[in-house]
Amino acid sequence: MNLRLGFLASYNGSSMQAICAAIQAGQLHAEARVVISNNSQSHVLAFARKIAIPAYHLSLKTEHTAVMVDCKLRDTLLAHEVNLVILSGYMKKLGPQTLAAYKHRILNIHPALLPKFGGQGMYGDHIHAAVLAAQEPETGITIHLVDEYYDHGPIIAQRRLPVFPTDTTESLALRVKTQEGAFFVEVLQQLAEAGLPQIS
C-alpha cells in the first residue's frame, strides 16, 4: 500500500514527528502529504513548515461553523491526495464529512490499552492517573481506527508495558510516550507492506 499520510494534531504532534523522521531516514515507505491543526500556535505547524510539508490551521476561527470546519478538513485532505489520516494528539472530534470520506482510513494512537481508559475526558495525564488508581498491572499503547465515538473504533495493534509499584503519573506517562512514535512507525510499515485490514 502506498501510504500518503495526512496528519491532524493539536499541539506537538510527537508521533507525527517520529513518523516524518522515519520517512526521511528511509525506515518507513510513506509520504507525508499535509499537516492540519486546530491550534494556530501549535508546534506541529511550525515543525511541518520547517521540513516543507504543507501546513494548515483549520478551526472555528477560520471557518466559523463546525460544519464548515468538517468540510474544509475533508477537502484539504482530499486535495493533497491523502489515503490514510493520522491523528497525533488531535483534540477535536471529527465530523461526519471527514469520517465518511476516510472511513476505515483514520488511525489514532491512544496511551492505554483500549477499551479500558478511553472515551471523552480520557487524555494526557488523566489516562495514566486512572490506570494507577485502578491498580492495573500493565498499560500500553493502542492504535485503532477512528469512528464517530471517542477511542472506540476497531483496534489495529497494541503494545503492552508494565506498571511498576513505584510509578507516578509522570513516570508512567514518560514510559508510554517514549514508545509511542516507534510503535506507530512499526505499525505503519506493516500496513505499507500488507495494507489495511478489511473491515465491513
Protein backbone atom coordinates (compact mmCIF):
# COMPACT_ATOMS: atom_id res chain seq x y z
CA MET A 1 0.00 0.00 0.00
CA ASN A 2 1.38 3.40 -0.99
CA LEU A 3 0.84 5.42 2.19
CA ARG A 4 0.07 9.08 1.55
CA LEU A 5 -0.31 10.44 5.04
CA GLY A 6 -2.27 13.40 6.33
CA PHE A 7 -1.70 14.40 9.95
CA LEU A 8 -4.10 16.05 12.38
CA ALA A 9 -2.59 17.39 15.59
CA SER A 10 -3.40 19.99 18.24
CA TYR A 11 -0.08 20.57 19.98
CA ASN A 12 3.35 18.98 19.48
CA GLY A 13 2.40 16.04 17.29
CA SER A 14 5.20 13.92 18.73
CA SER A 15 4.07 10.78 16.90
CA MET A 16 3.85 12.76 13.67
CA GLN A 17 7.41 13.98 14.16
CA ALA A 18 8.63 10.41 14.73
CA ILE A 19 6.82 9.22 11.60
CA CYS A 20 8.29 12.03 9.49
CA ALA A 21 11.78 11.28 10.83
CA ALA A 22 11.35 7.61 9.87
CA ILE A 23 10.22 8.60 6.35
CA GLN A 24 13.22 10.89 5.91
CA ALA A 25 15.56 8.16 7.17
CA GLY A 26 14.14 5.64 4.71
CA GLN A 27 12.80 3.45 7.53
CA LEU A 28 9.15 3.92 6.54
CA HIS A 29 7.83 3.73 2.98
CA ALA A 30 5.30 6.56 3.06
CA GLU A 31 4.78 10.18 2.09
CA ALA A 32 3.85 12.99 4.48
CA ARG A 33 1.37 14.99 2.39
CA VAL A 34 -0.17 17.54 4.76
CA VAL A 35 -0.44 18.63 8.39
CA ILE A 36 -3.59 20.23 9.80
CA SER A 37 -4.03 21.68 13.28
CA ASN A 38 -6.97 23.29 15.07
CA ASN A 39 -4.42 25.37 17.00
CA SER A 40 -2.71 28.18 15.08
CA GLN A 41 0.10 28.29 17.67
CA SER A 42 0.79 24.56 17.71
CA HIS A 43 4.37 23.41 17.46
CA VAL A 44 3.33 20.84 14.87
CA LEU A 45 2.54 23.55 12.30
CA ALA A 46 5.95 25.16 12.80
CA PHE A 47 7.60 21.75 12.52
CA ALA A 48 5.75 20.95 9.30
CA ARG A 49 6.69 24.25 7.69
CA LYS A 50 10.31 23.76 8.72
CA ILE A 51 10.51 20.48 6.81
CA ALA A 52 8.40 21.77 3.88
CA ILE A 53 5.18 19.84 4.45
CA PRO A 54 2.02 21.84 3.58
CA ALA A 55 0.51 23.02 6.87
CA TYR A 56 -2.90 24.48 7.66
CA HIS A 57 -4.74 25.90 10.63
CA LEU A 58 -8.43 24.93 10.46
CA SER A 59 -10.78 25.74 13.32
CA LEU A 60 -13.86 27.75 14.22
CA LYS A 61 -11.62 30.82 13.99
CA THR A 62 -11.00 30.20 10.30
CA GLU A 63 -14.22 28.53 9.18
CA HIS A 64 -16.87 29.90 11.61
CA THR A 65 -19.04 26.76 11.96
CA ALA A 66 -18.31 23.12 12.82
CA VAL A 67 -19.89 22.01 9.54
CA MET A 68 -17.58 24.31 7.58
CA VAL A 69 -14.53 23.07 9.52
CA ASP A 70 -15.51 19.48 8.75
CA CYS A 71 -15.95 20.15 5.03
CA LYS A 72 -12.72 22.14 4.77
CA LEU A 73 -10.82 19.42 6.61
CA ARG A 74 -12.15 16.76 4.25
CA ASP A 75 -11.45 18.87 1.17
CA THR A 76 -7.90 19.70 2.28
CA LEU A 77 -7.06 16.04 2.87
CA LEU A 78 -8.54 15.07 -0.49
CA ALA A 79 -6.76 17.91 -2.30
CA HIS A 80 -3.43 16.55 -1.05
CA GLU A 81 -4.41 13.03 -2.18
CA VAL A 82 -4.15 11.63 1.35
CA ASN A 83 -5.17 7.98 1.64
CA LEU A 84 -4.51 7.50 5.36
CA VAL A 85 -5.19 10.05 8.10
CA ILE A 86 -3.09 10.00 11.27
CA LEU A 87 -4.31 11.62 14.49
CA SER A 88 -1.35 12.70 16.59
CA GLY A 89 -2.81 14.28 19.70
CA TYR A 90 -5.75 15.81 17.85
CA MET A 91 -8.15 17.04 20.49
CA LYS A 92 -11.24 17.59 18.35
CA LYS A 93 -13.91 15.10 17.37
CA LEU A 94 -14.03 14.52 13.62
CA GLY A 95 -17.18 15.46 11.73
CA PRO A 96 -19.33 13.22 9.52
CA GLN A 97 -17.94 14.51 6.20
CA THR A 98 -14.34 13.65 7.08
CA LEU A 99 -15.35 10.35 8.67
CA ALA A 100 -17.33 9.37 5.56
CA ALA A 101 -14.59 10.36 3.11
CA TYR A 102 -11.98 8.39 5.08
CA LYS A 103 -13.99 5.51 6.51
CA HIS A 104 -11.63 2.88 7.95
CA ARG A 105 -8.67 5.05 6.90
CA ILE A 106 -8.17 7.21 10.00
CA LEU A 107 -5.78 6.00 12.70
CA ASN A 108 -5.47 7.27 16.25
CA ILE A 109 -2.87 6.45 18.89
CA HIS A 110 -4.08 6.18 22.48
CA PRO A 111 -1.75 5.85 25.51
CA ALA A 112 -3.60 2.97 27.19
CA LEU A 113 -4.91 -0.49 26.40
CA LEU A 114 -8.34 0.18 24.96
CA PRO A 115 -11.19 -0.47 25.56
CA LYS A 116 -10.12 0.41 29.10
CA PHE A 117 -9.34 4.05 29.90
CA GLY A 118 -10.82 5.56 26.76
CA GLY A 119 -13.65 7.92 25.98
CA GLN A 120 -14.39 11.59 26.48
CA GLY A 121 -12.10 13.22 29.02
CA MET A 122 -9.54 10.42 28.82
CA TYR A 123 -6.45 12.17 27.52
CA GLY A 124 -2.97 13.05 28.73
CA ASP A 125 -2.24 12.52 32.42
CA HIS A 126 -5.91 11.73 33.14
CA ILE A 127 -5.36 8.35 31.49
CA HIS A 128 -2.23 7.45 33.43
CA ALA A 129 -3.74 8.61 36.74
CA ALA A 130 -6.76 6.38 36.07
CA VAL A 131 -4.51 3.39 35.30
CA LEU A 132 -2.67 3.87 38.60
CA ALA A 133 -5.90 4.39 40.55
CA ALA A 134 -7.24 1.10 39.15
CA GLN A 135 -4.01 -0.65 40.23
CA GLU A 136 -3.56 -2.15 36.79
CA PRO A 137 -0.50 -4.42 36.40
CA GLU A 138 0.10 -3.20 32.86
CA THR A 139 -0.71 -0.39 30.49
CA GLY A 140 0.32 0.26 26.94
CA ILE A 141 -0.43 1.83 23.57
CA THR A 142 -3.34 1.24 21.25
CA ILE A 143 -3.55 2.14 17.57
CA HIS A 144 -7.12 1.99 16.34
CA LEU A 145 -9.36 3.06 13.51
CA VAL A 146 -11.42 6.17 14.24
CA ASP A 147 -15.21 6.28 14.14
CA GLU A 148 -17.79 8.76 15.43
CA TYR A 149 -17.12 7.89 19.09
CA TYR A 150 -14.10 8.75 21.23
CA ASP A 151 -11.48 5.96 21.36
CA HIS A 152 -13.95 3.43 20.01
CA GLY A 153 -13.06 2.10 16.54
CA PRO A 154 -11.54 -1.31 15.71
CA ILE A 155 -8.13 -1.95 17.25
CA ILE A 156 -5.27 -2.39 14.76
CA ALA A 157 -2.38 -3.03 17.17
CA GLN A 158 -1.41 -2.82 20.83
CA ARG A 159 1.84 -2.77 22.75
CA ARG A 160 1.79 -3.73 26.43
CA LEU A 161 4.01 -2.07 29.04
CA PRO A 162 4.42 -2.85 32.74
CA VAL A 163 3.13 -0.69 35.56
CA PHE A 164 5.56 -0.66 38.49
CA PRO A 165 4.57 -0.25 42.17
CA THR A 166 6.75 2.87 42.36
CA ASP A 167 5.16 4.52 39.33
CA THR A 168 3.76 8.03 39.45
CA THR A 169 1.53 9.59 36.81
CA GLU A 170 4.62 11.32 35.41
CA SER A 171 6.83 8.23 35.25
CA LEU A 172 4.08 6.16 33.64
CA ALA A 173 3.34 8.87 31.10
CA LEU A 174 7.02 9.06 30.18
CA ARG A 175 7.36 5.29 29.77
CA VAL A 176 4.41 5.20 27.40
CA LYS A 177 5.36 8.33 25.47
CA THR A 178 8.89 7.15 24.74
CA GLN A 179 7.43 4.10 22.96
CA GLU A 180 4.61 5.75 21.00
CA GLY A 181 6.45 7.12 17.99
CA ALA A 182 8.46 3.97 17.25
CA PHE A 183 5.37 1.79 17.68
CA PHE A 184 3.35 3.92 15.27
CA VAL A 185 6.16 3.73 12.70
CA GLU A 186 6.33 -0.06 13.11
CA VAL A 187 2.57 -0.44 12.59
CA LEU A 188 2.55 1.89 9.59
CA GLN A 189 5.35 -0.06 7.93
CA GLN A 190 3.32 -3.25 8.42
CA LEU A 191 0.35 -1.52 6.79
CA ALA A 192 2.53 -0.31 3.92
CA GLU A 193 3.52 -3.93 3.30
CA ALA A 194 0.19 -5.67 3.96
CA GLY A 195 -2.47 -2.97 3.56
CA LEU A 196 -5.25 -2.02 5.92
CA PRO A 197 -7.37 -4.86 7.30
CA GLN A 198 -10.73 -5.40 5.63
CA ILE A 199 -13.48 -4.20 7.94
CA SER A 200 -17.14 -4.30 6.98
